[in-house]
Protein backbone atom coordinates (compact mmCIF):
# COMPACT_ATOMS: atom_id res chain seq x y z
CA UNK A 1 -151.72 -178.32 -69.11
CA UNK A 2 -152.18 -179.11 -72.49
CA UNK A 3 -151.52 -176.36 -75.24
CA UNK A 4 -152.82 -176.36 -78.55
CA UNK A 5 -152.44 -173.53 -81.11
CA UNK A 6 -155.09 -173.21 -84.16
CA UNK A 7 -153.40 -171.88 -87.46
CA UNK A 8 -154.44 -168.38 -87.64
CA UNK A 9 -157.89 -168.06 -89.71
CA UNK A 10 -157.38 -165.32 -92.06
CA UNK A 11 -160.32 -163.12 -93.49
CA UNK A 12 -160.76 -160.11 -95.40
CA UNK A 13 -162.69 -157.12 -94.38
CA UNK A 14 -163.65 -155.34 -97.85
CA UNK A 15 -165.26 -152.22 -98.87
CA UNK A 16 -164.92 -150.21 -102.15
CA UNK A 17 -161.80 -148.67 -100.97
CA UNK A 18 -159.26 -151.16 -99.65
CA UNK A 19 -159.03 -154.62 -98.23
CA UNK A 20 -157.78 -154.99 -94.67
CA UNK A 21 -156.25 -158.58 -93.85
CA UNK A 22 -157.28 -159.87 -90.51
CA UNK A 23 -156.58 -162.94 -88.41
CA UNK A 24 -158.18 -165.09 -85.94
CA UNK A 25 -155.98 -166.72 -83.63
CA UNK A 26 -156.99 -169.05 -80.88
CA UNK A 27 -154.75 -170.64 -78.07
CA UNK A 28 -156.00 -173.49 -75.91
CA UNK A 29 -155.18 -173.55 -71.98
CA UNK A 30 -154.60 -171.37 -68.75
CA UNK A 31 -154.12 -167.42 -69.99
CA UNK A 32 -151.47 -167.23 -66.93
CA UNK A 33 -149.27 -169.85 -68.84
CA UNK A 34 -149.94 -168.92 -72.45
CA UNK A 35 -149.55 -165.16 -72.58
CA UNK A 36 -145.92 -165.51 -72.66
CA UNK A 37 -146.31 -166.89 -76.19
CA UNK A 38 -147.74 -163.53 -77.41
CA UNK A 39 -144.98 -161.10 -78.34
CA UNK A 40 -144.67 -157.98 -76.13
CA UNK A 41 -146.12 -154.46 -77.21
CA UNK A 42 -148.28 -156.18 -80.29
CA UNK A 43 -151.71 -155.75 -78.93
CA UNK A 44 -153.60 -152.17 -79.32
CA UNK A 45 -156.41 -153.40 -77.08
CA UNK A 46 -157.67 -156.08 -74.51
CA UNK A 47 -160.77 -157.27 -73.64
CA UNK A 48 -161.16 -159.68 -70.57
CA UNK A 49 -164.15 -161.21 -68.95
CA UNK A 50 -162.66 -163.05 -66.16
CA UNK A 51 -164.20 -165.44 -63.86
CA UNK A 52 -166.65 -163.49 -61.48
CA UNK A 53 -166.58 -166.55 -58.78
CA UNK A 54 -170.10 -166.91 -58.60
CA UNK A 55 -170.70 -170.50 -59.33
CA UNK A 56 -171.83 -171.49 -55.69
CA UNK A 57 -175.07 -173.15 -56.08
CA UNK A 58 -177.35 -169.90 -56.65
CA UNK A 59 -180.40 -169.78 -58.98
CA UNK A 60 -181.79 -167.08 -61.23
CA UNK A 61 -184.59 -167.02 -63.79
CA UNK A 62 -184.04 -167.52 -67.60
CA UNK A 63 -186.74 -167.78 -70.26
CA UNK A 64 -189.44 -168.37 -67.35
CA UNK A 65 -187.58 -171.07 -65.92
CA UNK A 66 -185.76 -171.23 -62.67
CA UNK A 67 -182.13 -172.32 -63.53
CA UNK A 68 -178.77 -172.95 -61.54
CA UNK A 69 -176.36 -170.28 -62.01
CA UNK A 70 -173.25 -172.43 -61.83
CA UNK A 71 -171.10 -171.96 -65.06
CA UNK A 72 -168.24 -174.64 -64.37
CA UNK A 73 -165.30 -175.13 -61.92
CA UNK A 74 -163.58 -172.19 -63.51
CA UNK A 75 -165.93 -170.00 -61.86
CA UNK A 76 -166.12 -171.48 -58.49
CA UNK A 77 -165.64 -169.10 -55.62
CA UNK A 78 -162.46 -169.02 -53.84
CA UNK A 79 -160.82 -167.00 -50.82
CA UNK A 80 -160.23 -163.30 -51.22
CA UNK A 81 -156.67 -164.01 -51.48
CA UNK A 82 -156.92 -166.67 -54.06
CA UNK A 83 -159.29 -164.29 -56.06
CA UNK A 84 -156.45 -161.43 -55.75
CA UNK A 85 -153.65 -163.37 -56.43
CA UNK A 86 -155.44 -164.93 -59.70
CA UNK A 87 -156.44 -161.42 -60.96
CA UNK A 88 -152.75 -160.10 -60.29
CA UNK A 89 -151.29 -162.81 -62.12
CA UNK A 90 -153.25 -162.70 -65.55
CA UNK A 91 -153.19 -158.52 -65.38
CA UNK A 92 -149.51 -158.48 -64.83
CA UNK A 93 -149.10 -161.02 -67.82
CA UNK A 94 -151.26 -158.78 -69.96
CA UNK A 95 -149.56 -155.32 -69.25
CA UNK A 96 -146.42 -156.28 -71.28
CA UNK A 97 -148.77 -157.25 -74.35
CA UNK A 98 -150.15 -153.86 -74.82
CA UNK A 99 -148.53 -151.11 -76.97
CA UNK A 100 -147.62 -147.82 -75.05
CA UNK A 101 -151.12 -146.26 -76.22
CA UNK A 102 -152.87 -149.67 -75.53
CA UNK A 103 -155.79 -150.05 -73.27
CA UNK A 104 -157.59 -152.97 -71.49
CA UNK A 105 -161.30 -153.41 -70.33
CA UNK A 106 -162.18 -155.80 -67.93
CA UNK A 107 -165.89 -156.62 -66.90
CA UNK A 108 -167.19 -157.89 -63.43
CA UNK A 109 -169.71 -157.40 -60.92
CA UNK A 110 -169.08 -156.46 -57.25
CA UNK A 111 -167.87 -159.96 -56.66
CA UNK A 112 -164.71 -159.62 -58.45
CA UNK A 113 -164.42 -155.92 -59.89
CA UNK A 114 -162.96 -154.37 -56.65
CA UNK A 115 -160.25 -156.97 -56.63
CA UNK A 116 -159.52 -156.06 -60.49
CA UNK A 117 -159.55 -152.46 -59.69
CA UNK A 118 -156.83 -152.71 -56.70
CA UNK A 119 -154.45 -155.00 -58.91
CA UNK A 120 -154.61 -152.75 -61.84
CA UNK A 121 -153.44 -149.84 -59.59
CA UNK A 122 -150.61 -151.87 -57.84
CA UNK A 123 -149.31 -152.95 -61.58
CA UNK A 124 -149.20 -149.51 -62.79
CA UNK A 125 -152.22 -149.11 -64.81
CA UNK A 126 -154.25 -146.13 -65.11
CA UNK A 127 -157.90 -146.44 -64.53
CA UNK A 128 -159.73 -144.28 -67.07
CA UNK A 129 -163.56 -144.89 -66.50
CA UNK A 130 -165.75 -147.56 -64.93
CA UNK A 131 -168.49 -148.09 -67.20
CA UNK A 132 -171.80 -149.14 -65.82
CA UNK A 133 -173.42 -151.53 -68.35
CA UNK A 134 -177.11 -151.18 -67.56
CA UNK A 135 -179.01 -154.21 -69.21
CA UNK A 136 -182.35 -153.22 -70.64
CA UNK A 137 -183.85 -156.58 -70.03
CA UNK A 138 -182.44 -158.00 -66.61
CA UNK A 139 -183.92 -161.25 -65.17
CA UNK A 140 -185.85 -160.86 -62.09
CA UNK A 141 -184.55 -161.11 -58.59
CA UNK A 142 -186.35 -164.32 -57.17
CA UNK A 143 -185.66 -163.79 -53.52
CA UNK A 144 -187.21 -160.52 -53.59
CA UNK A 145 -185.04 -159.39 -50.83
CA UNK A 146 -182.84 -157.26 -52.86
CA UNK A 147 -182.79 -154.54 -55.55
CA UNK A 148 -182.87 -156.42 -58.95
CA UNK A 149 -179.64 -156.97 -60.31
CA UNK A 150 -179.35 -154.92 -63.78
CA UNK A 151 -175.81 -153.81 -63.98
CA UNK A 152 -172.25 -155.16 -64.62
CA UNK A 153 -169.21 -152.84 -64.42
CA UNK A 154 -166.43 -152.57 -67.11
CA UNK A 155 -163.06 -151.13 -66.01
CA UNK A 156 -161.12 -149.01 -68.78
CA UNK A 157 -157.56 -148.72 -67.84
CA UNK A 158 -154.47 -147.67 -70.10
CA UNK A 159 -150.90 -149.11 -69.81
CA UNK A 160 -149.12 -146.21 -68.52
CA UNK A 161 -149.83 -143.35 -65.73
CA UNK A 162 -148.67 -140.60 -67.89
CA UNK A 163 -148.40 -141.92 -71.64
CA UNK A 164 -151.54 -141.00 -73.76
CA UNK A 165 -154.01 -143.59 -74.97
CA UNK A 166 -155.93 -144.37 -78.27
CA UNK A 167 -159.67 -143.14 -77.70
CA UNK A 168 -161.76 -142.41 -80.75
CA UNK A 169 -163.56 -139.73 -79.02
CA UNK A 170 -165.53 -138.29 -82.07
CA UNK A 171 -166.74 -141.62 -82.87
CA UNK A 172 -168.14 -142.08 -79.44
CA UNK A 173 -169.52 -138.52 -79.69
CA UNK A 174 -171.22 -139.38 -83.12
CA UNK A 175 -172.56 -142.38 -81.62
CA UNK A 176 -174.30 -140.27 -79.07
CA UNK A 177 -175.92 -137.66 -81.15
CA UNK A 178 -172.81 -135.17 -81.18
CA UNK A 179 -172.70 -135.28 -77.19
CA UNK A 180 -170.04 -136.67 -75.08
CA UNK A 181 -170.98 -140.36 -74.34
CA UNK A 182 -171.34 -141.07 -70.61
CA UNK A 183 -170.02 -144.01 -68.59
CA UNK A 184 -173.63 -145.51 -68.30
CA UNK A 185 -174.31 -147.65 -71.54
CA UNK A 186 -177.86 -149.16 -71.80
CA UNK A 187 -177.49 -152.13 -73.72
CA UNK A 188 -179.41 -155.44 -74.09
CA UNK A 189 -177.93 -158.87 -73.14
CA UNK A 190 -177.23 -161.65 -75.64
CA UNK A 191 -180.09 -162.15 -78.12
CA UNK A 192 -181.03 -165.49 -79.78
CA UNK A 193 -179.55 -164.27 -83.18
CA UNK A 194 -175.95 -164.53 -81.43
CA UNK A 195 -176.12 -168.17 -80.22
CA UNK A 196 -177.13 -169.88 -83.38
CA UNK A 197 -173.89 -171.78 -83.28
CA UNK A 198 -174.42 -172.56 -79.60
CA UNK A 199 -174.31 -170.82 -76.47
CA UNK A 200 -171.73 -169.85 -73.59
CA UNK A 201 -172.85 -169.40 -70.11
CA UNK A 202 -171.31 -165.86 -69.73
CA UNK A 203 -171.52 -164.86 -73.18
CA UNK A 204 -171.22 -161.03 -73.81
CA UNK A 205 -173.52 -159.21 -76.49
CA UNK A 206 -171.79 -158.32 -79.78
CA UNK A 207 -173.31 -154.67 -79.31
CA UNK A 208 -171.13 -154.19 -76.22
CA UNK A 209 -167.97 -155.31 -77.96
CA UNK A 210 -168.84 -153.04 -80.82
CA UNK A 211 -168.74 -150.14 -78.81
CA UNK A 212 -165.48 -151.12 -76.89
CA UNK A 213 -163.70 -151.90 -80.07
CA UNK A 214 -164.91 -148.60 -81.94
CA UNK A 215 -163.93 -146.52 -79.01
CA UNK A 216 -160.34 -147.79 -78.33
CA UNK A 217 -158.69 -149.42 -81.70
CA UNK A 218 -158.77 -148.52 -85.43
CA UNK A 219 -158.81 -150.79 -88.59
CA UNK A 220 -156.00 -153.45 -88.64
CA UNK A 221 -155.37 -153.37 -84.88
CA UNK A 222 -154.92 -156.27 -82.92
CA UNK A 223 -157.44 -157.26 -79.97
CA UNK A 224 -156.69 -159.75 -77.27
CA UNK A 225 -159.00 -161.72 -75.18
CA UNK A 226 -157.47 -163.95 -72.36
CA UNK A 227 -160.83 -165.30 -71.59
CA UNK A 228 -162.21 -165.88 -74.87
CA UNK A 229 -165.33 -167.99 -74.16
CA UNK A 230 -167.15 -168.35 -77.63
CA UNK A 231 -165.40 -165.67 -78.90
CA UNK A 232 -167.72 -162.95 -79.04
CA UNK A 233 -164.47 -160.42 -78.81
CA UNK A 234 -163.04 -162.15 -81.68
CA UNK A 235 -166.35 -162.22 -84.06
CA UNK A 236 -166.95 -158.23 -83.46
CA UNK A 237 -163.18 -157.69 -84.16
CA UNK A 238 -163.11 -159.49 -87.44
CA UNK A 239 -166.38 -157.78 -88.49
CA UNK A 240 -164.75 -154.55 -87.65
CA UNK A 241 -161.80 -155.17 -89.46
CA UNK A 242 -159.55 -155.90 -86.46
CA UNK A 243 -156.99 -158.94 -85.71
CA UNK A 244 -157.95 -161.14 -82.77
CA UNK A 245 -156.23 -163.46 -80.58
CA UNK A 246 -158.14 -165.44 -78.17
CA UNK A 247 -157.17 -167.71 -75.14
CA UNK A 248 -159.58 -170.13 -73.15
CA UNK A 249 -158.81 -173.42 -71.25
CA UNK A 250 -162.16 -175.01 -72.52
CA UNK A 251 -161.94 -176.52 -75.87
CA UNK A 252 -165.65 -176.93 -76.06
CA UNK A 253 -166.14 -172.99 -76.15
CA UNK A 254 -163.25 -172.65 -78.39
CA UNK A 255 -164.65 -175.04 -80.94
CA UNK A 256 -167.91 -173.01 -80.68
CA UNK A 257 -165.89 -169.79 -81.15
CA UNK A 258 -164.69 -171.58 -84.49
CA UNK A 259 -167.86 -172.25 -85.56
CA UNK A 260 -168.98 -168.70 -85.17
CA UNK A 261 -166.06 -167.70 -87.08
CA UNK A 262 -166.80 -169.72 -89.89
CA UNK A 263 -170.33 -168.42 -89.88
CA UNK A 264 -169.29 -165.11 -90.60
CA UNK A 265 -167.28 -166.18 -93.68
CA UNK A 266 -170.76 -166.02 -95.37
CA UNK A 267 -170.83 -162.39 -96.77
CA UNK A 268 -174.64 -162.09 -96.24
CA UNK A 269 -174.28 -163.24 -92.53
CA UNK A 270 -171.41 -161.27 -91.82
CA UNK A 271 -173.46 -157.94 -92.99
CA UNK A 272 -176.62 -159.06 -91.16
CA UNK A 273 -174.44 -159.66 -87.82
CA UNK A 274 -172.71 -156.27 -88.30
CA UNK A 275 -175.95 -154.49 -88.68
CA UNK A 276 -177.35 -156.03 -85.79
CA UNK A 277 -174.53 -155.43 -83.46
CA UNK A 278 -174.57 -151.87 -84.33
CA UNK A 279 -178.10 -151.32 -83.35
CA UNK A 280 -178.68 -149.57 -80.11
CA UNK A 281 -182.10 -148.79 -78.73
CA UNK A 282 -180.59 -145.67 -77.22
CA UNK A 283 -178.66 -144.72 -80.64
CA UNK A 284 -179.63 -141.46 -82.18
CA UNK A 285 -181.57 -142.03 -85.69
CA UNK A 286 -181.61 -140.26 -88.94
CA UNK A 287 -184.92 -139.64 -91.17
CA UNK A 288 -183.77 -140.53 -94.90
CA UNK A 289 -186.09 -138.77 -97.37
CA UNK A 290 -186.13 -139.19 -101.08
CA UNK A 291 -186.93 -135.88 -102.89
CA UNK A 292 -186.90 -134.96 -106.54
CA UNK A 293 -183.81 -132.65 -107.43
CA UNK A 294 -185.56 -129.48 -107.66
CA UNK A 295 -187.64 -130.17 -104.30
CA UNK A 296 -184.39 -131.46 -102.21
CA UNK A 297 -182.91 -128.13 -103.33
CA UNK A 298 -185.95 -126.02 -102.03
CA UNK A 299 -186.18 -128.05 -98.82
CA UNK A 300 -182.50 -126.90 -98.16
CA UNK A 301 -183.00 -123.22 -99.04
CA UNK A 302 -186.19 -123.37 -96.51
CA UNK A 303 -184.73 -125.70 -93.88
CA UNK A 304 -187.55 -127.80 -93.92
CA UNK A 305 -188.56 -131.25 -94.93
CA UNK A 306 -191.90 -132.85 -95.37
CA UNK A 307 -193.59 -136.49 -95.82
CA UNK A 308 -196.99 -137.36 -96.08
CA UNK A 309 -199.15 -137.61 -92.98
CA UNK A 310 -200.49 -141.07 -93.28
CA UNK A 311 -203.83 -141.73 -95.31
CA UNK A 312 -205.94 -139.23 -96.94
CA UNK A 313 -207.78 -138.56 -93.64
CA UNK A 314 -204.52 -137.09 -92.17
CA UNK A 315 -203.52 -139.75 -89.66
CA UNK A 316 -199.90 -139.99 -88.67
CA UNK A 317 -198.23 -143.24 -88.32
CA UNK A 318 -195.14 -142.55 -85.92
CA UNK A 319 -192.32 -145.09 -86.84
CA UNK A 320 -189.91 -146.55 -84.29
CA UNK A 321 -186.72 -144.34 -83.42
CA UNK A 322 -188.79 -141.17 -84.38
CA UNK A 323 -188.52 -139.84 -80.88
CA UNK A 324 -184.62 -140.42 -81.11
CA UNK A 325 -184.32 -138.75 -84.41
CA UNK A 326 -181.89 -135.73 -84.56
CA UNK A 327 -180.86 -135.82 -88.35
CA UNK A 328 -182.37 -135.74 -91.65
CA UNK A 329 -180.60 -137.20 -94.89
CA UNK A 330 -181.89 -135.98 -98.13
CA UNK A 331 -181.27 -137.76 -101.22
CA UNK A 332 -182.51 -138.01 -105.05
CA UNK A 333 -182.54 -141.77 -106.43
CA UNK A 334 -179.86 -142.80 -103.80
CA UNK A 335 -177.46 -140.08 -105.11
CA UNK A 336 -176.37 -136.43 -103.91
CA UNK A 337 -176.70 -137.27 -100.30
CA UNK A 338 -176.54 -134.54 -97.86
CA UNK A 339 -177.06 -134.61 -93.81
CA UNK A 340 -178.61 -132.31 -91.82
CA UNK A 341 -179.12 -131.78 -88.22
CA UNK A 342 -182.57 -130.96 -86.93
CA UNK A 343 -182.91 -127.49 -85.39
CA UNK A 344 -182.01 -127.44 -81.66
CA UNK A 345 -184.98 -128.22 -79.29
CA UNK A 346 -186.96 -129.53 -82.23
CA UNK A 347 -185.33 -133.22 -82.36
CA UNK A 348 -187.93 -135.92 -82.26
CA UNK A 349 -190.85 -133.59 -82.81
CA UNK A 350 -192.95 -132.51 -85.92
CA UNK A 351 -195.48 -129.98 -87.09
CA UNK A 352 -198.52 -131.04 -89.27
CA UNK A 353 -199.09 -128.67 -92.36
CA UNK A 354 -201.58 -128.47 -94.94
CA UNK A 355 -201.01 -128.75 -98.32
CA UNK A 356 -201.79 -125.16 -98.63
CA UNK A 357 -199.28 -124.21 -96.17
CA UNK A 358 -196.54 -125.88 -98.25
CA UNK A 359 -197.76 -124.35 -101.43
CA UNK A 360 -197.37 -121.08 -99.92
CA UNK A 361 -193.54 -122.02 -99.30
CA UNK A 362 -193.38 -122.82 -102.99
CA UNK A 363 -193.77 -126.97 -102.91
CA UNK A 364 -195.98 -128.60 -104.71
CA UNK A 365 -197.29 -131.68 -102.86
CA UNK A 366 -199.72 -133.71 -104.52
CA UNK A 367 -200.01 -137.00 -102.44
CA UNK A 368 -202.42 -135.93 -99.37
CA UNK A 369 -203.97 -132.98 -97.71
CA UNK A 370 -201.40 -133.21 -94.50
CA UNK A 371 -197.77 -133.63 -94.24
CA UNK A 372 -195.29 -134.14 -91.30
CA UNK A 373 -192.74 -131.28 -91.37
CA UNK A 374 -189.38 -131.13 -89.56
CA UNK A 375 -187.01 -128.10 -89.56
CA UNK A 376 -183.52 -128.44 -89.77
CA UNK A 377 -180.32 -126.28 -89.91
CA UNK A 378 -179.30 -125.87 -93.70
CA UNK A 379 -175.91 -126.05 -93.42
CA UNK A 380 -175.02 -129.86 -94.21
CA UNK A 381 -172.63 -132.05 -92.33
CA UNK A 382 -169.57 -133.75 -93.81
CA UNK A 383 -169.34 -137.56 -94.32
CA UNK A 384 -166.67 -139.72 -93.61
CA UNK A 385 -167.74 -141.79 -96.68
CA UNK A 386 -170.53 -141.17 -98.87
CA UNK A 387 -173.61 -143.43 -97.83
CA UNK A 388 -174.68 -146.47 -99.79
CA UNK A 389 -178.23 -146.24 -100.53
CA UNK A 390 -180.23 -148.39 -102.83
CA UNK A 391 -180.33 -146.79 -106.30
CA UNK A 392 -183.15 -145.94 -108.56
CA UNK A 393 -186.13 -148.44 -108.37
CA UNK A 394 -185.38 -149.49 -104.84
CA UNK A 395 -184.31 -146.47 -103.29
CA UNK A 396 -185.70 -145.40 -99.95
CA UNK A 397 -188.33 -143.36 -100.14
CA UNK A 398 -188.67 -142.57 -96.29
CA UNK A 399 -186.97 -144.72 -93.68
CA UNK A 400 -185.42 -144.05 -90.21
CA UNK A 401 -181.84 -145.58 -89.74
CA UNK A 402 -179.50 -145.35 -87.24
CA UNK A 403 -176.77 -142.62 -87.27
CA UNK A 404 -174.08 -145.30 -87.14
CA UNK A 405 -175.05 -146.20 -90.72
CA UNK A 406 -174.14 -142.86 -92.21
CA UNK A 407 -171.15 -141.56 -90.44
CA UNK A 408 -168.42 -143.91 -91.86
CA UNK A 409 -167.69 -145.58 -88.44
CA UNK A 410 -164.54 -147.65 -88.16
């Protein structure tokens, strides 16, 4: 088996507080033979997307066309014994690379995931969860003899049975609107915006890796992917300030990964991808409202905020994400930002008040006759970092944003 190691590509994740060096290292070859090159106890997390062994001449529907599902020789099915031995070999080699608090994530379908689970248990890992990834846009089932296949599974396991593992519980809770995140994740499949440099037949969405990386690693940590493919794990890792080591036996896909990594050297492209991959159709949203200083203070005292209800006739235009809204962020010219939670039971709902009703409460509206009013708990919530809104002339007047834009997720 030929072996080729690319010089680690060093980039820098930068914000106003600090600069975090990060690396992007690729190894070419069979991971079962190359994992020994990685020092033991150096990887804080592993994400693995091993062969599902599905390339047996089947068909599916893609972009309205019937296509063969064969991915390549590496995905062709074998006997149950072969699949079991294959999984046990790479999982055994991976275990020594994890730090004592490290965890491993393995994706699959029923074709391979049960074999993976058995191997994990035999090798001394402790299974923590089995995540059900529900695809919001699955292709139809052509045979019409089965229920539509719309899910994949991701086993999450730690290295030791009894030693504690790293889990950013509060980050996941915040992403889920201050509720415990469940083991069912509704995330779309790979979008066109993720394939600008080319595509891989089993490519995973950046949105999926975004959540996995935030859940189990911190900035500066190292993430290993023994079946790197087009390096989605590496792109997500570097965008989030983590180091990456990837292994794949297909040079074509490693070259694709390099192109994708070079693409995010452009700061504008990097920010665009980071914003898109943090988006989640199910994520809680925040209503951002600009108000004059005196008005903002009165809103906080009264526990209400308001915005004009459409045009002068009082029509209401509901913006996407309103139904998932649980917070309001008040600011003045992009400064003095304060985040409040909408009153319990009133999330995603609103009232219509007349101009006269607002005046009775001490406000001085002058833009319309009717206003959308939301009620919130007037105790501000803390920020992990101050939100960066546009200043003065281009400051947000009214905008719905995702919660992750304002809670300093790292």
